[in-house]
């Protein structure tokens, strides 16, 4: 697009590489090949020739992004645990991750919407077909041909990543990378769920595990949208973060005799209008937070290991209380732009710990053990 900016692109870059996907997976920081036409980005230099033959390079409609940071998401852990019914291994992917923020260092000849040096974000969806009924509506993330970042193609745990230009997200100036990266997944995902919940200003919204990455973004957005957030979680660190980010009440499920009763009491003694489940362990009790509220909604957001979790439902109560249970996946391109605008206006603040790339294995271990208040991002430049 007329820019004279040039970038020196190295042959290799740092990446978090997964070994032995499953319950005993390992994360190692290694040098991997930088995406170029005819090569396999994201594969360790010791990979077999067969794996190196997989081609995912910068084509005429693609951009190459040098990431400054990547977010760490619980979905990454599911990919590494190989417990959702689809495996990274079947796609030859070794680096997960789907929350990236960086700059464009190479553009394909057909690209019109990015130029060298522009800021760009990488989302959980790398691409969709663009021609099916889902893509023609507002449900592009449910496209049958959708490409999941970090599962089907190399993800943001590697510093250089290829994206179709039409699906990458421009990041406005004034939003730091450590805020922008989590917006790519956690904020845009919970924004979509808040919109589809149909809650109104003044309605009560409870976030089980709301001190985590997706939940705490939801607290901020719900507050900015006029809702009244309640967080159910445990620990003083998460209490302080939740209240700072806009929660009207915090219920510590380890210290109160009955967390459900405490939530109902906080919500006018009736129950909340919406339950936003971002951690799969909260599904069995999700309906209880609605209390006797008519027209309450449970929004299913957090992925559970395949076949392990159910929501017990009494259809008579569903009928008598006009209750709704609905699932939402990740945010669309439109949702991501809307979430970024909240960040631009200061309504989404930093909720992350920042770790250097060399400590990625330690960060992933903390995430897997549930030891993180808010989100974590890894800085490739530290």
Protein backbone atom coordinates (compact mmCIF):
# COMPACT_ATOMS: atom_id res chain seq x y z
CA UNK A 1 0.00 0.00 0.00
CA UNK A 2 2.82 2.33 -0.81
CA UNK A 3 4.73 1.91 2.44
CA UNK A 4 8.52 1.98 2.34
CA UNK A 5 8.79 0.28 5.75
CA UNK A 6 10.74 -2.95 5.67
CA UNK A 7 11.34 -5.58 8.32
CA UNK A 8 14.14 -8.08 8.62
CA UNK A 9 12.46 -11.43 9.08
CA UNK A 10 14.55 -14.12 10.78
CA UNK A 11 14.58 -17.75 9.74
CA UNK A 12 13.56 -18.94 13.22
CA UNK A 13 11.68 -17.60 16.21
CA UNK A 14 10.81 -18.61 19.77
CA UNK A 15 7.74 -20.71 20.40
CA UNK A 16 6.07 -22.83 23.02
CA UNK A 17 6.07 -26.36 21.61
CA UNK A 18 3.87 -29.12 23.03
CA UNK A 19 5.19 -32.64 23.52
CA UNK A 20 3.05 -35.68 24.34
CA UNK A 21 -0.40 -34.04 24.15
CA UNK A 22 -2.62 -35.59 26.80
CA UNK A 23 -2.64 -35.73 30.62
CA UNK A 24 1.17 -35.72 30.76
CA UNK A 25 1.86 -33.04 28.16
CA UNK A 26 5.03 -30.96 28.31
CA UNK A 27 5.66 -27.40 27.14
CA UNK A 28 9.12 -26.49 25.90
CA UNK A 29 10.37 -23.17 24.53
CA UNK A 30 12.24 -23.87 21.30
CA UNK A 31 13.29 -22.29 18.03
CA UNK A 32 10.82 -22.96 15.24
CA UNK A 33 10.72 -22.03 11.58
CA UNK A 34 9.23 -18.65 10.73
CA UNK A 35 6.36 -18.98 8.24
CA UNK A 36 7.48 -18.63 4.65
CA UNK A 37 5.93 -19.97 1.45
CA UNK A 38 6.71 -23.67 1.15
CA UNK A 39 7.70 -24.22 4.79
CA UNK A 40 6.00 -25.44 7.93
CA UNK A 41 5.93 -22.72 10.58
CA UNK A 42 5.67 -23.72 14.19
CA UNK A 43 7.45 -27.06 13.90
CA UNK A 44 10.60 -27.67 15.94
CA UNK A 45 13.76 -27.71 13.87
CA UNK A 46 14.18 -31.36 14.86
CA UNK A 47 10.81 -32.32 13.35
CA UNK A 48 10.60 -35.16 10.90
CA UNK A 49 10.76 -34.46 7.14
CA UNK A 50 7.17 -35.72 6.88
CA UNK A 51 5.91 -32.99 9.23
CA UNK A 52 8.05 -30.36 7.56
CA UNK A 53 6.27 -31.08 4.27
CA UNK A 54 3.04 -29.51 5.59
CA UNK A 55 2.62 -26.12 3.94
CA UNK A 56 1.08 -23.13 5.72
CA UNK A 57 2.90 -20.15 4.32
CA UNK A 58 2.28 -16.51 3.47
CA UNK A 59 0.11 -16.46 0.35
CA UNK A 60 -1.11 -13.49 -1.68
CA UNK A 61 -4.07 -12.90 0.65
CA UNK A 62 -2.17 -13.38 3.91
CA UNK A 63 -0.16 -11.32 6.35
CA UNK A 64 2.76 -12.34 8.53
CA UNK A 65 2.46 -10.95 12.07
CA UNK A 66 5.30 -10.60 14.54
CA UNK A 67 3.62 -11.00 17.89
CA UNK A 68 4.64 -8.94 20.88
CA UNK A 69 2.45 -10.89 23.30
CA UNK A 70 0.19 -13.90 23.43
CA UNK A 71 -2.53 -14.51 25.95
CA UNK A 72 -2.89 -17.84 27.74
CA UNK A 73 -6.38 -19.32 27.75
CA UNK A 74 -7.95 -22.33 29.44
CA UNK A 75 -8.91 -23.58 25.97
CA UNK A 76 -5.19 -23.91 25.26
CA UNK A 77 -4.98 -26.30 28.20
CA UNK A 78 -7.82 -28.37 26.76
CA UNK A 79 -5.93 -28.56 23.46
CA UNK A 80 -2.78 -29.65 25.29
CA UNK A 81 -4.71 -32.17 27.40
CA UNK A 82 -6.32 -33.49 24.20
CA UNK A 83 -9.66 -33.88 25.99
CA UNK A 84 -12.25 -32.21 23.74
CA UNK A 85 -12.56 -34.75 20.95
CA UNK A 86 -10.24 -32.96 18.48
CA UNK A 87 -6.48 -33.20 18.72
CA UNK A 88 -3.68 -30.84 17.77
CA UNK A 89 -1.73 -33.90 16.69
CA UNK A 90 -4.21 -34.83 13.95
CA UNK A 91 -3.51 -31.46 12.31
CA UNK A 92 0.25 -31.58 12.89
CA UNK A 93 0.11 -28.53 15.18
CA UNK A 94 2.63 -28.21 17.99
CA UNK A 95 2.00 -24.65 19.24
CA UNK A 96 -1.43 -23.68 20.62
CA UNK A 97 -2.59 -20.17 21.50
CA UNK A 98 -5.22 -17.87 20.03
CA UNK A 99 -4.81 -14.44 21.66
CA UNK A 100 -2.07 -12.59 19.79
CA UNK A 101 -1.17 -8.92 19.43
CA UNK A 102 1.68 -7.66 17.27
CA UNK A 103 2.63 -5.90 14.05
CA UNK A 104 2.44 -6.81 10.38
CA UNK A 105 5.88 -7.53 8.94
CA UNK A 106 4.92 -9.01 5.58
CA UNK A 107 1.86 -8.67 3.34
CA UNK A 108 0.68 -10.72 0.39
CA UNK A 109 0.36 -9.00 -2.95
CA UNK A 110 -3.47 -8.98 -2.83
CA UNK A 111 -3.74 -7.51 0.68
CA UNK A 112 -5.44 -4.11 0.84
CA UNK A 113 -6.54 -3.79 4.47
CA UNK A 114 -3.12 -3.98 6.15
CA UNK A 115 0.26 -2.43 5.46
CA UNK A 116 3.68 -3.08 6.93
CA UNK A 117 3.95 -1.84 10.50
CA UNK A 118 0.21 -1.94 11.21
CA UNK A 119 -0.91 -3.45 14.50
CA UNK A 120 -2.86 -6.69 14.17
CA UNK A 121 -4.57 -9.20 16.43
CA UNK A 122 -4.97 -12.97 16.04
CA UNK A 123 -8.20 -14.57 17.30
CA UNK A 124 -9.45 -18.10 18.18
CA UNK A 125 -10.85 -18.38 14.65
CA UNK A 126 -8.18 -18.10 11.96
CA UNK A 127 -10.61 -18.19 9.04
CA UNK A 128 -14.03 -19.27 7.83
CA UNK A 129 -15.33 -20.16 4.39
CA UNK A 130 -17.14 -16.86 3.86
CA UNK A 131 -19.81 -18.43 1.66
CA UNK A 132 -22.10 -20.52 3.92
CA UNK A 133 -25.32 -19.37 5.67
CA UNK A 134 -23.44 -18.98 8.98
CA UNK A 135 -20.85 -16.71 7.37
CA UNK A 136 -23.55 -14.69 5.63
CA UNK A 137 -25.27 -14.09 8.97
CA UNK A 138 -23.71 -13.09 12.28
CA UNK A 139 -22.68 -16.66 13.11
CA UNK A 140 -19.43 -16.97 11.17
CA UNK A 141 -17.76 -18.70 14.13
CA UNK A 142 -20.09 -21.68 13.58
CA UNK A 143 -19.06 -22.08 9.93
CA UNK A 144 -18.61 -25.79 9.04
CA UNK A 145 -15.27 -24.91 7.45
CA UNK A 146 -13.98 -22.83 10.34
CA UNK A 147 -10.24 -22.98 11.09
CA UNK A 148 -9.42 -22.96 14.82
CA UNK A 149 -6.20 -21.15 15.71
CA UNK A 150 -3.78 -23.22 17.76
CA UNK A 151 -5.67 -26.41 17.03
CA UNK A 152 -5.88 -26.75 13.26
CA UNK A 153 -3.08 -24.32 12.40
CA UNK A 154 -0.12 -23.06 14.46
CA UNK A 155 -1.19 -20.66 17.18
CA UNK A 156 0.06 -17.64 19.02
CA UNK A 157 2.53 -19.47 21.27
CA UNK A 158 4.98 -18.80 18.42
CA UNK A 159 6.18 -15.27 17.75
CA UNK A 160 5.66 -15.16 13.98
CA UNK A 161 2.28 -16.29 12.71
CA UNK A 162 0.45 -16.23 9.38
CA UNK A 163 -3.15 -15.06 9.12
CA UNK A 164 -5.54 -14.43 6.25
CA UNK A 165 -5.61 -10.64 6.08
CA UNK A 166 -9.39 -10.54 5.94
CA UNK A 167 -9.69 -12.31 9.28
CA UNK A 168 -6.99 -10.54 11.30
CA UNK A 169 -8.17 -7.72 13.54
CA UNK A 170 -6.75 -4.17 13.36
CA UNK A 171 -5.75 -2.93 16.84
CA UNK A 172 -6.37 0.79 17.42
CA UNK A 173 -3.63 2.99 18.81
CA UNK A 174 -3.85 3.62 22.52
CA UNK A 175 -4.63 0.03 23.52
CA UNK A 176 -1.53 -1.68 24.95
CA UNK A 177 -0.73 -5.16 23.62
CA UNK A 178 -1.24 -6.71 27.05
CA UNK A 179 -4.85 -5.48 26.98
CA UNK A 180 -5.45 -6.07 23.27
CA UNK A 181 -4.32 -9.72 23.25
CA UNK A 182 -6.92 -10.95 25.80
CA UNK A 183 -9.59 -9.00 23.95
CA UNK A 184 -9.01 -11.31 20.95
CA UNK A 185 -10.58 -14.21 22.87
CA UNK A 186 -11.70 -13.67 26.45
CA UNK A 187 -13.27 -10.21 26.10
CA UNK A 188 -14.85 -10.75 22.68
CA UNK A 189 -16.13 -14.18 23.73
CA UNK A 190 -17.84 -12.92 26.88
CA UNK A 191 -19.08 -9.83 25.06
CA UNK A 192 -20.88 -12.09 22.59
CA UNK A 193 -22.43 -14.05 25.45
CA UNK A 194 -23.56 -10.89 27.25
CA UNK A 195 -25.25 -9.64 24.08
CA UNK A 196 -26.99 -12.95 23.37
CA UNK A 197 -28.13 -13.27 27.00
CA UNK A 198 -30.53 -10.35 26.38
CA UNK A 199 -29.88 -8.98 29.86
CA UNK A 200 -30.75 -5.34 30.35
CA UNK A 201 -29.16 -2.50 32.36
CA UNK A 202 -29.90 -3.09 36.03
CA UNK A 203 -30.08 -6.88 35.67
CA UNK A 204 -28.00 -9.12 37.92
CA UNK A 205 -25.27 -11.19 36.23
CA UNK A 206 -23.30 -13.81 38.15
CA UNK A 207 -19.92 -15.08 37.03
CA UNK A 208 -18.89 -18.39 38.63
CA UNK A 209 -15.07 -18.48 38.52
CA UNK A 210 -15.36 -14.79 37.76
CA UNK A 211 -11.85 -14.09 39.02
CA UNK A 212 -10.42 -15.91 35.99
CA UNK A 213 -9.52 -14.50 32.61
CA UNK A 214 -12.85 -14.69 30.79
CA UNK A 215 -14.96 -14.01 33.86
CA UNK A 216 -13.12 -10.87 34.92
CA UNK A 217 -13.44 -9.45 31.42
CA UNK A 218 -17.15 -10.22 31.68
CA UNK A 219 -17.37 -8.35 34.97
CA UNK A 220 -15.89 -5.25 33.36
CA UNK A 221 -18.08 -5.43 30.28
CA UNK A 222 -21.26 -6.21 32.23
CA UNK A 223 -20.61 -3.23 34.48
CA UNK A 224 -19.93 -0.99 31.46
CA UNK A 225 -23.19 -2.19 29.89
CA UNK A 226 -25.16 -1.27 33.02
CA UNK A 227 -25.58 -4.76 34.48
CA UNK A 228 -24.83 -5.63 38.11
CA UNK A 229 -22.06 -8.26 38.32
CA UNK A 230 -21.61 -10.80 41.12
CA UNK A 231 -18.50 -12.98 41.23
CA UNK A 232 -18.31 -16.45 42.77
CA UNK A 233 -14.71 -17.53 43.31
CA UNK A 234 -12.22 -17.93 46.13
CA UNK A 235 -9.22 -16.11 47.57
CA UNK A 236 -8.42 -12.56 48.56
CA UNK A 237 -6.51 -11.85 45.35
CA UNK A 238 -9.52 -12.67 43.22
CA UNK A 239 -11.86 -10.82 45.60
CA UNK A 240 -9.78 -7.66 45.31
CA UNK A 241 -9.54 -7.94 41.52
CA UNK A 242 -13.28 -8.60 41.09
CA UNK A 243 -14.35 -5.65 43.23
CA UNK A 244 -11.81 -3.38 41.56
CA UNK A 245 -13.14 -4.32 38.13
CA UNK A 246 -16.78 -3.59 38.93
CA UNK A 247 -18.32 -6.53 40.79
CA UNK A 248 -21.01 -5.42 43.25
CA UNK A 249 -20.55 -8.53 45.35
CA UNK A 250 -18.00 -11.31 45.76
CA UNK A 251 -18.99 -14.71 47.14
CA UNK A 252 -16.12 -16.90 48.31
CA UNK A 253 -17.41 -20.41 47.87
CA UNK A 254 -14.85 -21.77 50.31
CA UNK A 255 -15.77 -19.50 53.20
CA UNK A 256 -19.56 -19.13 52.99
CA UNK A 257 -21.86 -21.97 54.09
CA UNK A 258 -23.97 -21.81 50.92
CA UNK A 259 -22.68 -19.92 47.88
CA UNK A 260 -25.99 -20.20 46.04
CA UNK A 261 -27.93 -18.71 48.94
CA UNK A 262 -25.41 -15.87 49.19
CA UNK A 263 -25.79 -15.06 45.47
CA UNK A 264 -29.59 -15.12 45.68
CA UNK A 265 -29.52 -12.85 48.73
CA UNK A 266 -27.29 -10.37 46.91
CA UNK A 267 -29.63 -10.43 43.89
CA UNK A 268 -32.63 -8.91 45.66
CA UNK A 269 -33.38 -12.17 47.47
CA UNK A 270 -34.86 -13.52 44.24
CA UNK A 271 -31.94 -14.66 42.09
CA UNK A 272 -29.86 -13.40 39.20
CA UNK A 273 -31.11 -12.70 35.70
CA UNK A 274 -28.13 -14.35 34.01
CA UNK A 275 -25.46 -16.91 34.85
CA UNK A 276 -22.28 -16.81 32.75
CA UNK A 277 -20.42 -20.10 33.11
CA UNK A 278 -16.81 -19.75 32.06
CA UNK A 279 -15.40 -22.74 33.99
CA UNK A 280 -16.83 -26.20 33.39
CA UNK A 281 -16.86 -27.15 37.08
CA UNK A 282 -19.66 -24.61 37.63
CA UNK A 283 -22.16 -26.18 35.22
CA UNK A 284 -23.88 -28.60 37.64
CA UNK A 285 -24.92 -25.74 39.97
CA UNK A 286 -25.50 -23.04 37.37
CA UNK A 287 -29.30 -23.12 37.40
CA UNK A 288 -29.43 -22.71 41.17
CA UNK A 289 -28.17 -19.12 41.00
CA UNK A 290 -31.37 -18.11 39.18
CA UNK A 291 -33.32 -18.78 42.37
CA UNK A 292 -36.98 -18.05 41.68
CA UNK A 293 -36.25 -15.43 39.02
CA UNK A 294 -38.66 -15.68 36.07
CA UNK A 295 -37.03 -15.47 32.65
CA UNK A 296 -33.52 -16.24 33.90
CA UNK A 297 -30.80 -17.39 31.53
CA UNK A 298 -27.78 -19.67 31.86
CA UNK A 299 -25.09 -18.96 29.28
CA UNK A 300 -22.67 -21.82 28.57
CA UNK A 301 -19.23 -20.51 27.61
CA UNK A 302 -16.46 -22.62 29.15
CA UNK A 303 -15.45 -25.77 27.28
CA UNK A 304 -15.66 -29.01 29.27
CA UNK A 305 -13.74 -32.24 28.65
CA UNK A 306 -15.82 -34.24 26.18
CA UNK A 307 -18.63 -36.22 27.79
CA UNK A 308 -17.83 -35.27 31.40
CA UNK A 309 -20.29 -32.53 32.41
CA UNK A 310 -24.07 -32.22 32.41
CA UNK A 311 -26.54 -29.60 33.61
CA UNK A 312 -29.36 -31.27 35.55
CA UNK A 313 -32.63 -29.86 34.19
CA UNK A 314 -36.17 -30.22 35.50
CA UNK A 315 -38.33 -29.36 32.47
CA UNK A 316 -41.26 -28.39 34.69
CA UNK A 317 -39.18 -25.71 36.41
CA UNK A 318 -37.92 -24.54 33.02
CA UNK A 319 -41.53 -24.14 31.91
CA UNK A 320 -42.84 -22.53 35.10
CA UNK A 321 -39.97 -20.04 35.35
CA UNK A 322 -39.43 -19.33 31.65
CA UNK A 323 -35.79 -20.38 32.02
CA UNK A 324 -33.39 -20.50 29.09
CA UNK A 325 -30.06 -22.34 28.66
CA UNK A 326 -27.91 -21.25 25.73
CA UNK A 327 -24.38 -21.80 24.51
CA UNK A 328 -22.10 -19.33 22.76
CA UNK A 329 -18.72 -19.96 21.18
CA UNK A 330 -16.13 -17.23 20.59
CA UNK A 331 -16.62 -13.68 19.41
CA UNK A 332 -16.95 -12.82 15.74
CA UNK A 333 -14.90 -10.18 13.95
CA UNK A 334 -17.63 -7.67 14.77
CA UNK A 335 -17.67 -8.69 18.45
CA UNK A 336 -13.91 -8.25 18.65
CA UNK A 337 -14.08 -4.73 17.22
CA UNK A 338 -16.83 -3.86 19.71
CA UNK A 339 -14.79 -5.25 22.62
CA UNK A 340 -11.72 -3.33 21.47
CA UNK A 341 -13.80 -0.15 21.54
CA UNK A 342 -14.60 -0.78 25.22
CA UNK A 343 -10.84 -1.08 25.79
CA UNK A 344 -10.17 2.11 23.82
CA UNK A 345 -12.61 3.95 26.08
CA UNK A 346 -10.94 2.61 29.22
CA UNK A 347 -13.77 0.22 30.11
CA UNK A 348 -11.51 -2.83 29.78
CA UNK A 349 -8.43 -2.45 31.93
CA UNK A 350 -5.36 -4.65 32.29
CA UNK A 351 -6.21 -7.84 34.17
CA UNK A 352 -3.14 -9.87 33.29
CA UNK A 353 0.18 -10.97 34.66
CA UNK A 354 2.98 -10.49 32.11
CA UNK A 355 5.52 -13.32 31.79
CA UNK A 356 8.65 -13.63 29.62
CA UNK A 357 8.61 -16.25 26.88
CA UNK A 358 11.27 -18.35 28.60
CA UNK A 359 8.88 -18.89 31.53
CA UNK A 360 5.98 -20.03 29.36
CA UNK A 361 6.04 -23.62 30.73
CA UNK A 362 5.72 -22.28 34.28
CA UNK A 363 2.88 -19.96 33.26
CA UNK A 364 0.98 -22.81 31.59
CA UNK A 365 1.39 -24.92 34.72
CA UNK A 366 -0.10 -22.15 36.87
CA UNK A 367 -3.00 -21.80 34.45
CA UNK A 368 -3.66 -25.54 34.50
CA UNK A 369 -3.73 -25.52 38.32
CA UNK A 370 -6.14 -22.58 38.51
CA UNK A 371 -3.67 -20.31 40.30
CA UNK A 372 -4.22 -17.22 38.18
CA UNK A 373 -6.28 -14.16 39.08
CA UNK A 374 -7.34 -12.61 35.78
CA UNK A 375 -5.36 -13.47 32.68
CA UNK A 376 -1.72 -14.16 31.84
CA UNK A 377 0.11 -12.95 28.77
CA UNK A 378 3.57 -13.90 27.56
CA UNK A 379 5.85 -11.18 26.23
CA UNK A 380 8.06 -12.41 23.38
CA UNK A 381 10.33 -9.39 23.74
CA UNK A 382 11.31 -9.85 27.39
